[in-house]
């Protein structure tokens, strides 16, 4: 959405800018567990083991990203070889290989 200068001016007339609120001014309203007032603001963050594992996995995967990006979209040599086999009638696939791929794809689809 684009806002023109005129629209910005009209918006500021409707809702004039207010000074920012400082955190210190909110302190009397801060409450902790079960509404007990808090004397000083504190932040405590815990990261689950699962989140740590995902973070480590992401870092590990990132190191392979350049190789994946450098890989060609298609493997032309393999495509050419398979195309020739199909055209000559010498391309054969085992039924077990097809079934295995169907099961793998089905499992992968359920994970998404």
PDB file of N, CA and C in Angstrom:
ATOM      1  N   UNK A   1       0.849  -1.167   0.000  1.00  0.00           N
ATOM      2  CA  UNK A   1       0.000   0.000   0.000  1.00  0.00           C
ATOM      3  C   UNK A   1       0.892   1.225   0.000  1.00  0.00           C
ATOM      4  N   UNK A   2       0.582   2.181  -0.839  1.00  0.00           N
ATOM      5  CA  UNK A   2       1.338   3.422  -0.891  1.00  0.00           C
ATOM      6  C   UNK A   2       0.521   4.519  -0.226  1.00  0.00           C
ATOM      7  N   UNK A   3       1.177   5.314   0.560  1.00  0.00           N
ATOM      8  CA  UNK A   3       0.505   6.426   1.227  1.00  0.00           C
ATOM      9  C   UNK A   3       1.150   7.709   0.717  1.00  0.00           C
ATOM     10  N   UNK A   4       0.328   8.566   0.131  1.00  0.00           N
ATOM     11  CA  UNK A   4       0.851   9.828  -0.397  1.00  0.00           C
ATOM     12  C   UNK A   4       1.094  10.805   0.743  1.00  0.00           C
ATOM     13  N   UNK A   5       1.763  11.883   0.441  1.00  0.00           N
ATOM     14  CA  UNK A   5       2.044  12.920   1.438  1.00  0.00           C
ATOM     15  C   UNK A   5       0.738  13.521   1.953  1.00  0.00           C
ATOM     16  N   UNK A   6      -0.242  13.723   1.058  1.00  0.00           N
ATOM     17  CA  UNK A   6      -1.531  14.277   1.480  1.00  0.00           C
ATOM     18  C   UNK A   6      -2.237  13.343   2.456  1.00  0.00           C
ATOM     19  N   UNK A   7      -2.228  12.051   2.160  1.00  0.00           N
ATOM     20  CA  UNK A   7      -2.872  11.084   3.050  1.00  0.00           C
ATOM     21  C   UNK A   7      -2.175  11.038   4.403  1.00  0.00           C
ATOM     22  N   UNK A   8      -0.872  11.170   4.389  1.00  0.00           N
ATOM     23  CA  UNK A   8      -0.106  11.175   5.643  1.00  0.00           C
ATOM     24  C   UNK A   8      -0.457  12.393   6.483  1.00  0.00           C
ATOM     25  N   UNK A   9      -0.606  13.535   5.834  1.00  0.00           N
ATOM     26  CA  UNK A   9      -0.965  14.758   6.539  1.00  0.00           C
ATOM     27  C   UNK A   9      -2.360  14.639   7.137  1.00  0.00           C
ATOM     28  N   UNK A  10      -3.323  14.118   6.358  1.00  0.00           N
ATOM     29  CA  UNK A  10      -4.672  13.931   6.867  1.00  0.00           C
ATOM     30  C   UNK A  10      -4.702  12.961   8.044  1.00  0.00           C
ATOM     31  N   UNK A  11      -3.921  11.905   7.979  1.00  0.00           N
ATOM     32  CA  UNK A  11      -3.886  10.921   9.065  1.00  0.00           C
ATOM     33  C   UNK A  11      -3.327  11.539  10.336  1.00  0.00           C
ATOM     34  N   UNK A  12      -2.315  12.387  10.203  1.00  0.00           N
ATOM     35  CA  UNK A  12      -1.739  13.005  11.405  1.00  0.00           C
ATOM     36  C   UNK A  12      -2.702  14.023  12.024  1.00  0.00           C
ATOM     37  N   UNK A  13      -3.602  14.607  11.223  1.00  0.00           N
ATOM     38  CA  UNK A  13      -4.588  15.531  11.772  1.00  0.00           C
ATOM     39  C   UNK A  13      -5.677  14.780  12.525  1.00  0.00           C
ATOM     40  N   UNK A  14      -6.033  13.607  12.033  1.00  0.00           N
ATOM     41  CA  UNK A  14      -7.064  12.804  12.681  1.00  0.00           C
ATOM     42  C   UNK A  14      -6.534  12.206  13.987  1.00  0.00           C
ATOM     43  N   UNK A  15      -5.325  11.700  13.950  1.00  0.00           N
ATOM     44  CA  UNK A  15      -4.719  11.084  15.137  1.00  0.00           C
ATOM     45  C   UNK A  15      -3.353  11.717  15.352  1.00  0.00           C
ATOM     46  N   UNK A  16      -3.302  12.825  16.097  1.00  0.00           N
ATOM     47  CA  UNK A  16      -2.019  13.487  16.302  1.00  0.00           C
ATOM     48  C   UNK A  16      -1.015  12.563  16.982  1.00  0.00           C
ATOM     49  N   UNK A  17       0.231  12.762  16.640  1.00  0.00           N
ATOM     50  CA  UNK A  17       1.303  11.938  17.208  1.00  0.00           C
ATOM     51  C   UNK A  17       1.407  12.153  18.703  1.00  0.00           C
ATOM     52  N   UNK A  18       1.621  11.052  19.421  1.00  0.00           N
ATOM     53  CA  UNK A  18       1.773  11.127  20.863  1.00  0.00           C
ATOM     54  C   UNK A  18       3.211  10.763  21.214  1.00  0.00           C
ATOM     55  N   UNK A  19       3.705  11.340  22.324  1.00  0.00           N
ATOM     56  CA  UNK A  19       5.087  11.025  22.687  1.00  0.00           C
ATOM     57  C   UNK A  19       5.216   9.552  23.030  1.00  0.00           C
ATOM     58  N   UNK A  20       6.396   8.967  22.777  1.00  0.00           N
ATOM     59  CA  UNK A  20       6.583   7.556  23.097  1.00  0.00           C
ATOM     60  C   UNK A  20       6.490   7.310  24.601  1.00  0.00           C
ATOM     61  N   UNK A  21       6.023   6.150  24.966  1.00  0.00           N
ATOM     62  CA  UNK A  21       5.887   5.777  26.369  1.00  0.00           C
ATOM     63  C   UNK A  21       7.177   5.107  26.815  1.00  0.00           C
ATOM     64  N   UNK A  22       7.711   5.542  27.944  1.00  0.00           N
ATOM     65  CA  UNK A  22       8.937   4.924  28.442  1.00  0.00           C
ATOM     66  C   UNK A  22       8.586   3.684  29.256  1.00  0.00           C
ATOM     67  N   UNK A  23       9.493   2.723  29.276  1.00  0.00           N
ATOM     68  CA  UNK A  23       9.267   1.505  30.040  1.00  0.00           C
ATOM     69  C   UNK A  23       9.193   1.792  31.534  1.00  0.00           C
ATOM     70  N   UNK A  24       9.929   2.813  31.973  1.00  0.00           N
ATOM     71  CA  UNK A  24       9.916   3.156  33.395  1.00  0.00           C
ATOM     72  C   UNK A  24       8.522   3.607  33.845  1.00  0.00           C
ATOM     73  N   UNK A  25       7.799   4.304  32.964  1.00  0.00           N
ATOM     74  CA  UNK A  25       6.470   4.765  33.342  1.00  0.00           C
ATOM     75  C   UNK A  25       5.477   3.611  33.442  1.00  0.00           C
ATOM     76  N   UNK A  26       5.777   2.480  32.798  1.00  0.00           N
ATOM     77  CA  UNK A  26       4.894   1.324  32.857  1.00  0.00           C
ATOM     78  C   UNK A  26       5.182   0.424  34.055  1.00  0.00           C
ATOM     79  N   UNK A  27       6.308   0.642  34.721  1.00  0.00           N
ATOM     80  CA  UNK A  27       6.733  -0.223  35.812  1.00  0.00           C
ATOM     81  C   UNK A  27       5.666  -0.444  36.888  1.00  0.00           C
ATOM     82  N   UNK A  28       4.935   0.579  37.343  1.00  0.00           N
ATOM     83  CA  UNK A  28       3.939   0.322  38.386  1.00  0.00           C
ATOM     84  C   UNK A  28       2.849  -0.653  37.959  1.00  0.00           C
ATOM     85  N   UNK A  29       2.672  -0.838  36.645  1.00  0.00           N
ATOM     86  CA  UNK A  29       1.617  -1.710  36.147  1.00  0.00           C
ATOM     87  C   UNK A  29       2.107  -3.125  35.878  1.00  0.00           C
ATOM     88  N   UNK A  30       3.410  -3.347  35.961  1.00  0.00           N
ATOM     89  CA  UNK A  30       3.960  -4.663  35.659  1.00  0.00           C
ATOM     90  C   UNK A  30       3.628  -5.640  36.779  1.00  0.00           C
ATOM     91  N   UNK A  31       3.192  -6.822  36.379  1.00  0.00           N
ATOM     92  CA  UNK A  31       2.895  -7.850  37.371  1.00  0.00           C
ATOM     93  C   UNK A  31       3.549  -9.149  36.955  1.00  0.00           C
ATOM     94  N   UNK A  32       3.853  -9.941  37.919  1.00  0.00           N
ATOM     95  CA  UNK A  32       4.466 -11.229  37.660  1.00  0.00           C
ATOM     96  C   UNK A  32       3.453 -12.338  37.769  1.00  0.00           C
ATOM     97  N   UNK A  33       3.892 -13.472  38.263  1.00  0.00           N
ATOM     98  CA  UNK A  33       3.048 -14.655  38.397  1.00  0.00           C
ATOM     99  C   UNK A  33       1.883 -14.380  39.336  1.00  0.00           C
ATOM    100  N   UNK A  34       0.686 -14.700  38.914  1.00  0.00           N
ATOM    101  CA  UNK A  34      -0.549 -14.526  39.683  1.00  0.00           C
ATOM    102  C   UNK A  34      -0.799 -13.075  40.078  1.00  0.00           C
ATOM    103  N   UNK A  35      -0.349 -12.130  39.247  1.00  0.00           N
ATOM    104  CA  UNK A  35      -0.651 -10.727  39.485  1.00  0.00           C
ATOM    105  C   UNK A  35       0.184 -10.060  40.553  1.00  0.00           C
ATOM    106  N   UNK A  36       1.207 -10.730  41.062  1.00  0.00           N
ATOM    107  CA  UNK A  36       2.071 -10.130  42.082  1.00  0.00           C
ATOM    108  C   UNK A  36       2.936  -9.077  41.409  1.00  0.00           C
ATOM    109  N   UNK A  37       2.973  -7.835  41.957  1.00  0.00           N
ATOM    110  CA  UNK A  37       3.776  -6.781  41.330  1.00  0.00           C
ATOM    111  C   UNK A  37       5.244  -7.165  41.222  1.00  0.00           C
ATOM    112  N   UNK A  38       5.841  -6.737  40.135  1.00  0.00           N
ATOM    113  CA  UNK A  38       7.257  -6.997  39.892  1.00  0.00           C
ATOM    114  C   UNK A  38       8.015  -5.707  40.134  1.00  0.00           C
ATOM    115  N   UNK A  39       9.106  -5.793  40.875  1.00  0.00           N
ATOM    116  CA  UNK A  39       9.852  -4.572  41.174  1.00  0.00           C
ATOM    117  C   UNK A  39      10.764  -4.170  40.023  1.00  0.00           C
ATOM    118  N   UNK A  40      11.336  -5.123  39.327  1.00  0.00           N
ATOM    119  CA  UNK A  40      12.194  -4.805  38.186  1.00  0.00           C
ATOM    120  C   UNK A  40      11.802  -5.719  37.029  1.00  0.00           C
ATOM    121  N   UNK A  41      11.800  -5.178  35.822  1.00  0.00           N
ATOM    122  CA  UNK A  41      11.455  -6.025  34.694  1.00  0.00           C
ATOM    123  C   UNK A  41      12.571  -7.042  34.450  1.00  0.00           C
ATOM    124  N   UNK A  42      12.184  -8.250  34.152  1.00  0.00           N
ATOM    125  CA  UNK A  42      13.161  -9.295  33.866  1.00  0.00           C
ATOM    126  C   UNK A  42      12.660 -10.132  32.705  1.00  0.00           C
ATOM    127  N   UNK A  43      13.592 -10.632  31.952  1.00  0.00           N
ATOM    128  CA  UNK A  43      13.235 -11.508  30.837  1.00  0.00           C
ATOM    129  C   UNK A  43      14.013 -12.801  30.995  1.00  0.00           C
ATOM    130  N   UNK A  44      13.309 -13.892  30.878  1.00  0.00           N
ATOM    131  CA  UNK A  44      13.944 -15.198  30.975  1.00  0.00           C
ATOM    132  C   UNK A  44      13.438 -16.027  29.809  1.00  0.00           C
ATOM    133  N   UNK A  45      14.365 -16.509  29.021  1.00  0.00           N
ATOM    134  CA  UNK A  45      13.998 -17.292  27.851  1.00  0.00           C
ATOM    135  C   UNK A  45      14.660 -18.653  27.958  1.00  0.00           C
ATOM    136  N   UNK A  46      13.875 -19.677  27.729  1.00  0.00           N
ATOM    137  CA  UNK A  46      14.411 -21.032  27.715  1.00  0.00           C
ATOM    138  C   UNK A  46      14.205 -21.603  26.322  1.00  0.00           C
ATOM    139  N   UNK A  47      15.230 -22.256  25.816  1.00  0.00           N
ATOM    140  CA  UNK A  47      15.160 -22.864  24.497  1.00  0.00           C
ATOM    141  C   UNK A  47      15.078 -24.373  24.694  1.00  0.00           C
ATOM    142  N   UNK A  48      14.068 -24.974  24.109  1.00  0.00           N
ATOM    143  CA  UNK A  48      13.867 -26.407  24.279  1.00  0.00           C
ATOM    144  C   UNK A  48      14.970 -27.189  23.567  1.00  0.00           C
ATOM    145  N   UNK A  49      15.113 -28.428  23.979  1.00  0.00           N
ATOM    146  CA  UNK A  49      16.096 -29.312  23.346  1.00  0.00           C
ATOM    147  C   UNK A  49      15.765 -29.499  21.866  1.00  0.00           C
ATOM    148  N   UNK A  50      14.481 -29.561  21.558  1.00  0.00           N
ATOM    149  CA  UNK A  50      14.063 -29.723  20.166  1.00  0.00           C
ATOM    150  C   UNK A  50      14.474 -28.500  19.334  1.00  0.00           C
ATOM    151  N   UNK A  51      14.297 -27.297  19.902  1.00  0.00           N
ATOM    152  CA  UNK A  51      14.682 -26.072  19.184  1.00  0.00           C
ATOM    153  C   UNK A  51      16.188 -26.034  18.980  1.00  0.00           C
ATOM    154  N   UNK A  52      16.949 -26.457  19.975  1.00  0.00           N
ATOM    155  CA  UNK A  52      18.407 -26.494  19.833  1.00  0.00           C
ATOM    156  C   UNK A  52      18.824 -27.480  18.745  1.00  0.00           C
ATOM    157  N   UNK A  53      18.165 -28.631  18.708  1.00  0.00           N
ATOM    158  CA  UNK A  53      18.483 -29.625  17.686  1.00  0.00           C
ATOM    159  C   UNK A  53      18.164 -29.099  16.296  1.00  0.00           C
ATOM    160  N   UNK A  54      17.023 -28.403  16.167  1.00  0.00           N
ATOM    161  CA  UNK A  54      16.659 -27.824  14.870  1.00  0.00           C
ATOM    162  C   UNK A  54      17.656 -26.760  14.446  1.00  0.00           C
ATOM    163  N   UNK A  55      18.112 -25.979  15.400  1.00  0.00           N
ATOM    164  CA  UNK A  55      19.085 -24.936  15.104  1.00  0.00           C
ATOM    165  C   UNK A  55      20.389 -25.559  14.615  1.00  0.00           C
ATOM    166  N   UNK A  56      20.827 -26.629  15.278  1.00  0.00           N
ATOM    167  CA  UNK A  56      22.051 -27.317  14.865  1.00  0.00           C
ATOM    168  C   UNK A  56      21.876 -27.933  13.480  1.00  0.00           C
ATOM    169  N   UNK A  57      20.694 -28.512  13.213  1.00  0.00           N
ATOM    170  CA  UNK A  57      20.427 -29.107  11.906  1.00  0.00           C
ATOM    171  C   UNK A  57      20.445 -28.051  10.812  1.00  0.00           C
ATOM    172  N   UNK A  58      19.898 -26.881  11.129  1.00  0.00           N
ATOM    173  CA  UNK A  58      19.878 -25.791  10.148  1.00  0.00           C
ATOM    174  C   UNK A  58      21.299 -25.340   9.829  1.00  0.00           C
ATOM    175  N   UNK A  59      22.123 -25.225  10.857  1.00  0.00           N
ATOM    176  CA  UNK A  59      23.514 -24.812  10.635  1.00  0.00           C
ATOM    177  C   UNK A  59      24.260 -25.856   9.811  1.00  0.00           C
ATOM    178  N   UNK A  60      24.003 -27.129  10.086  1.00  0.00           N
ATOM    179  CA  UNK A  60      24.649 -28.199   9.335  1.00  0.00           C
ATOM    180  C   UNK A  60      24.191 -28.181   7.873  1.00  0.00           C
ATOM    181  N   UNK A  61      22.898 -27.978   7.660  1.00  0.00           N
ATOM    182  CA  UNK A  61      22.367 -27.942   6.299  1.00  0.00           C
ATOM    183  C   UNK A  61      22.916 -26.746   5.528  1.00  0.00           C
ATOM    184  N   UNK A  62      23.159 -25.648   6.221  1.00  0.00           N
ATOM    185  CA  UNK A  62      23.652 -24.436   5.557  1.00  0.00           C
ATOM    186  C   UNK A  62      25.013 -24.646   4.922  1.00  0.00           C
ATOM    187  N   UNK A  63      25.811 -25.528   5.484  1.00  0.00           N
ATOM    188  CA  UNK A  63      27.136 -25.748   4.905  1.00  0.00           C
ATOM    189  C   UNK A  63      27.064 -26.475   3.556  1.00  0.00           C
ATOM    190  N   UNK A  64      25.956 -27.163   3.295  1.00  0.00           N
ATOM    191  CA  UNK A  64      25.789 -27.864   2.026  1.00  0.00           C
ATOM    192  C   UNK A  64      25.077 -27.018   0.975  1.00  0.00           C
ATOM    193  N   UNK A  65      24.555 -25.880   1.368  1.00  0.00           N
ATOM    194  CA  UNK A  65      23.786 -25.047   0.452  1.00  0.00           C
ATOM    195  C   UNK A  65      24.564 -24.639  -0.801  1.00  0.00           C
ATOM    196  N   UNK A  66      25.827 -24.200  -0.707  1.00  0.00           N
ATOM    197  CA  UNK A  66      26.545 -23.831  -1.938  1.00  0.00           C
ATOM    198  C   UNK A  66      26.651 -24.981  -2.938  1.00  0.00           C
ATOM    199  N   UNK A  67      26.879 -26.192  -2.452  1.00  0.00           N
ATOM    200  CA  UNK A  67      26.988 -27.342  -3.360  1.00  0.00           C
ATOM    201  C   UNK A  67      25.653 -27.625  -4.031  1.00  0.00           C
ATOM    202  N   UNK A  68      24.586 -27.509  -3.288  1.00  0.00           N
ATOM    203  CA  UNK A  68      23.257 -27.750  -3.851  1.00  0.00           C
ATOM    204  C   UNK A  68      22.928 -26.691  -4.895  1.00  0.00           C
ATOM    205  N   UNK A  69      23.259 -25.432  -4.592  1.00  0.00           N
ATOM    206  CA  UNK A  69      22.973 -24.359  -5.542  1.00  0.00           C
ATOM    207  C   UNK A  69      23.822 -24.477  -6.806  1.00  0.00           C
ATOM    208  N   UNK A  70      25.017 -25.050  -6.677  1.00  0.00           N
ATOM    209  CA  UNK A  70      25.905 -25.184  -7.828  1.00  0.00           C
ATOM    210  C   UNK A  70      25.518 -26.370  -8.709  1.00  0.00           C
ATOM    211  N   UNK A  71      24.767 -27.308  -8.171  1.00  0.00           N
ATOM    212  CA  UNK A  71      24.360 -28.490  -8.935  1.00  0.00           C
ATOM    213  C   UNK A  71      23.410 -28.087 -10.051  1.00  0.00           C
ATOM    214  N   UNK A  72      23.532 -28.748 -11.211  1.00  0.00           N
ATOM    215  CA  UNK A  72      22.628 -28.423 -12.319  1.00  0.00           C
ATOM    216  C   UNK A  72      21.201 -28.843 -12.006  1.00  0.00           C
ATOM    217  N   UNK A  73      20.255 -28.175 -12.643  1.00  0.00           N
ATOM    218  CA  UNK A  73      18.839 -28.476 -12.435  1.00  0.00           C
ATOM    219  C   UNK A  73      18.516 -29.894 -12.906  1.00  0.00           C
ATOM    220  N   UNK A  74      19.098 -30.290 -14.037  1.00  0.00           N
ATOM    221  CA  UNK A  74      18.918 -31.653 -14.538  1.00  0.00           C
ATOM    222  C   UNK A  74      20.280 -32.251 -14.842  1.00  0.00           C
ATOM    223  N   UNK A  75      20.354 -33.551 -14.735  1.00  0.00           N
ATOM    224  CA  UNK A  75      21.603 -34.242 -15.074  1.00  0.00           C
ATOM    225  C   UNK A  75      21.484 -34.683 -16.525  1.00  0.00           C
ATOM    226  N   UNK A  76      21.995 -33.827 -17.407  1.00  0.00           N
ATOM    227  CA  UNK A  76      21.818 -34.028 -18.848  1.00  0.00           C
ATOM    228  C   UNK A  76      22.366 -35.365 -19.328  1.00  0.00           C
ATOM    229  N   UNK A  77      23.503 -35.802 -18.775  1.00  0.00           N
ATOM    230  CA  UNK A  77      24.087 -37.070 -19.218  1.00  0.00           C
ATOM    231  C   UNK A  77      23.171 -38.247 -18.879  1.00  0.00           C
ATOM    232  N   UNK A  78      22.570 -38.226 -17.699  1.00  0.00           N
ATOM    233  CA  UNK A  78      21.659 -39.293 -17.298  1.00  0.00           C
ATOM    234  C   UNK A  78      20.377 -39.255 -18.126  1.00  0.00           C
ATOM    235  N   UNK A  79      19.859 -38.053 -18.365  1.00  0.00           N
ATOM    236  CA  UNK A  79      18.636 -37.913 -19.166  1.00  0.00           C
ATOM    237  C   UNK A  79      18.875 -38.446 -20.578  1.00  0.00           C
ATOM    238  N   UNK A  80      19.999 -38.127 -21.152  1.00  0.00           N
ATOM    239  CA  UNK A  80      20.325 -38.579 -22.507  1.00  0.00           C
ATOM    240  C   UNK A  80      20.422 -40.104 -22.549  1.00  0.00           C
ATOM    241  N   UNK A  81      21.092 -40.676 -21.565  1.00  0.00           N
ATOM    242  CA  UNK A  81      21.258 -42.130 -21.493  1.00  0.00           C
ATOM    243  C   UNK A  81      19.899 -42.827 -21.355  1.00  0.00           C
ATOM    244  N   UNK A  82      19.063 -42.342 -20.436  1.00  0.00           N
ATOM    245  CA  UNK A  82      17.755 -42.961 -20.226  1.00  0.00           C
ATOM    246  C   UNK A  82      16.851 -42.807 -21.443  1.00  0.00           C
ATOM    247  N   UNK A  83      16.921 -41.644 -22.081  1.00  0.00           N
ATOM    248  CA  UNK A  83      16.109 -41.405 -23.273  1.00  0.00           C
ATOM    249  C   UNK A  83      16.474 -42.401 -24.371  1.00  0.00           C
ATOM    250  N   UNK A  84      17.761 -42.640 -24.543  1.00  0.00           N
ATOM    251  CA  UNK A  84      18.212 -43.595 -25.564  1.00  0.00           C
ATOM    252  C   UNK A  84      17.726 -45.004 -25.232  1.00  0.00           C
ATOM    253  N   UNK A  85      17.768 -45.384 -23.935  1.00  0.00           N
ATOM    254  CA  UNK A  85      17.300 -46.709 -23.532  1.00  0.00           C
ATOM    255  C   UNK A  85      15.798 -46.868 -23.777  1.00  0.00           C
ATOM    256  N   UNK A  86      15.015 -45.821 -23.466  1.00  0.00           N
ATOM    257  CA  UNK A  86      13.571 -45.880 -23.681  1.00  0.00           C
ATOM    258  C   UNK A  86      13.274 -46.028 -25.170  1.00  0.00           C
ATOM    259  N   UNK A  87      13.949 -45.232 -25.991  1.00  0.00           N
ATOM    260  CA  UNK A  87      13.703 -45.263 -27.436  1.00  0.00           C
ATOM    261  C   UNK A  87      14.099 -46.596 -28.053  1.00  0.00           C
ATOM    262  N   UNK A  88      15.153 -47.228 -27.510  1.00  0.00           N
ATOM    263  CA  UNK A  88      15.594 -48.511 -28.076  1.00  0.00           C
ATOM    264  C   UNK A  88      14.868 -49.698 -27.457  1.00  0.00           C
ATOM    265  N   UNK A  89      14.050 -49.435 -26.418  1.00  0.00           N
ATOM    266  CA  UNK A  89      13.295 -50.522 -25.790  1.00  0.00           C
ATOM    267  C   UNK A  89      14.116 -51.325 -24.792  1.00  0.00           C
ATOM    268  N   UNK A  90      15.258 -50.808 -24.392  1.00  0.00           N
ATOM    269  CA  UNK A  90      16.109 -51.544 -23.443  1.00  0.00           C
ATOM    270  C   UNK A  90      15.993 -51.014 -22.015  1.00  0.00           C
ATOM    271  N   UNK A  91      15.124 -50.086 -21.792  1.00  0.00           N
ATOM    272  CA  UNK A  91      14.950 -49.523 -20.438  1.00  0.00           C
ATOM    273  C   UNK A  91      13.923 -50.350 -19.680  1.00  0.00           C
ATOM    274  N   UNK A  92      14.346 -50.955 -18.595  1.00  0.00           N
ATOM    275  CA  UNK A  92      13.458 -51.777 -17.781  1.00  0.00           C
ATOM    276  C   UNK A  92      13.636 -51.392 -16.314  1.00  0.00           C
ATOM    277  N   UNK A  93      12.516 -51.351 -15.606  1.00  0.00           N
ATOM    278  CA  UNK A  93      12.525 -51.018 -14.185  1.00  0.00           C
ATOM    279  C   UNK A  93      11.875 -52.160 -13.430  1.00  0.00           C
ATOM    280  N   UNK A  94      12.483 -52.549 -12.310  1.00  0.00           N
ATOM    281  CA  UNK A  94      11.906 -53.603 -11.478  1.00  0.00           C
ATOM    282  C   UNK A  94      10.653 -53.076 -10.785  1.00  0.00           C
ATOM    283  N   UNK A  95       9.670 -53.928 -10.661  1.00  0.00           N
ATOM    284  CA  UNK A  95       8.436 -53.561  -9.961  1.00  0.00           C
ATOM    285  C   UNK A  95       8.698 -53.192  -8.512  1.00  0.00           C
ATOM    286  N   UNK A  96       9.667 -53.865  -7.900  1.00  0.00           N
ATOM    287  CA  UNK A  96       9.990 -53.552  -6.499  1.00  0.00           C
ATOM    288  C   UNK A  96      10.566 -52.148  -6.361  1.00  0.00           C
ATOM    289  N   UNK A  97      11.323 -51.716  -7.366  1.00  0.00           N
ATOM    290  CA  UNK A  97      11.874 -50.351  -7.330  1.00  0.00           C
ATOM    291  C   UNK A  97      10.756 -49.310  -7.429  1.00  0.00           C
ATOM    292  N   UNK A  98       9.774 -49.589  -8.278  1.00  0.00           N
ATOM    293  CA  UNK A  98       8.641 -48.672  -8.425  1.00  0.00           C
ATOM    294  C   UNK A  98       7.852 -48.611  -7.122  1.00  0.00           C
ATOM    295  N   UNK A  99       7.577 -49.778  -6.529  1.00  0.00           N
ATOM    296  CA  UNK A  99       6.825 -49.829  -5.269  1.00  0.00           C
ATOM    297  C   UNK A  99       7.573 -49.095  -4.161  1.00  0.00           C
ATOM    298  N   UNK A 100       8.877 -49.285  -4.111  1.00  0.00           N
ATOM    299  CA  UNK A 100       9.685 -48.608  -3.083  1.00  0.00           C
ATOM    300  C   UNK A 100       9.603 -47.087  -3.226  1.00  0.00           C
ATOM    301  N   UNK A 101       9.674 -46.595  -4.455  1.00  0.00           N
ATOM    302  CA  UNK A 101       9.583 -45.150  -4.685  1.00  0.00           C
ATOM    303  C   UNK A 101       8.195 -44.618  -4.330  1.00  0.00           C
ATOM    304  N   UNK A 102       7.152 -45.383  -4.630  1.00  0.00           N
ATOM    305  CA  UNK A 102       5.795 -44.962  -4.276  1.00  0.00           C
ATOM    306  C   UNK A 102       5.681 -44.817  -2.764  1.00  0.00           C
ATOM    307  N   UNK A 103       6.202 -45.797  -2.026  1.00  0.00           N
ATOM    308  CA  UNK A 103       6.148 -45.741  -0.561  1.00  0.00           C
ATOM    309  C   UNK A 103       6.966 -44.572  -0.008  1.00  0.00           C
ATOM    310  N   UNK A 104       8.140 -44.342  -0.585  1.00  0.00           N
ATOM    311  CA  UNK A 104       8.972 -43.210  -0.134  1.00  0.00           C
ATOM    312  C   UNK A 104       8.267 -41.881  -0.359  1.00  0.00           C
ATOM    313  N   UNK A 105       7.691 -41.726  -1.526  1.00  0.00           N
ATOM    314  CA  UNK A 105       6.988 -40.469  -1.830  1.00  0.00           C
ATOM    315  C   UNK A 105       5.782 -40.279  -0.923  1.00  0.00           C
ATOM    316  N   UNK A 106       5.074 -41.364  -0.663  1.00  0.00           N
ATOM    317  CA  UNK A 106       3.909 -41.297   0.217  1.00  0.00           C
ATOM    318  C   UNK A 106       4.332 -40.875   1.625  1.00  0.00           C
ATOM    319  N   UNK A 107       5.419 -41.451   2.128  1.00  0.00           N
ATOM    320  CA  UNK A 107       5.923 -41.089   3.457  1.00  0.00           C
ATOM    321  C   UNK A 107       6.373 -39.633   3.492  1.00  0.00           C
ATOM    322  N   UNK A 108       7.035 -39.190   2.439  1.00  0.00           N
ATOM    323  CA  UNK A 108       7.499 -37.800   2.381  1.00  0.00           C
ATOM    324  C   UNK A 108       6.325 -36.836   2.333  1.00  0.00           C
ATOM    325  N   UNK A 109       5.275 -37.197   1.600  1.00  0.00           N
ATOM    326  CA  UNK A 109       4.085 -36.340   1.526  1.00  0.00           C
ATOM    327  C   UNK A 109       3.413 -36.202   2.886  1.00  0.00           C
ATOM    328  N   UNK A 110       3.414 -37.283   3.669  1.00  0.00           N
ATOM    329  CA  UNK A 110       2.805 -37.210   4.999  1.00  0.00           C
ATOM    330  C   UNK A 110       3.597 -36.330   5.951  1.00  0.00           C
ATOM    331  N   UNK A 111       4.891 -36.212   5.728  1.00  0.00           N
ATOM    332  CA  UNK A 111       5.725 -35.353   6.587  1.00  0.00           C
ATOM    333  C   UNK A 111       5.504 -33.873   6.307  1.00  0.00           C
ATOM    334  N   UNK A 112       5.068 -33.548   5.125  1.00  0.00           N
ATOM    335  CA  UNK A 112       4.876 -32.137   4.777  1.00  0.00           C
ATOM    336  C   UNK A 112       3.668 -31.620   5.372  1.00  0.00           C
TER     337      UNK A 112
END
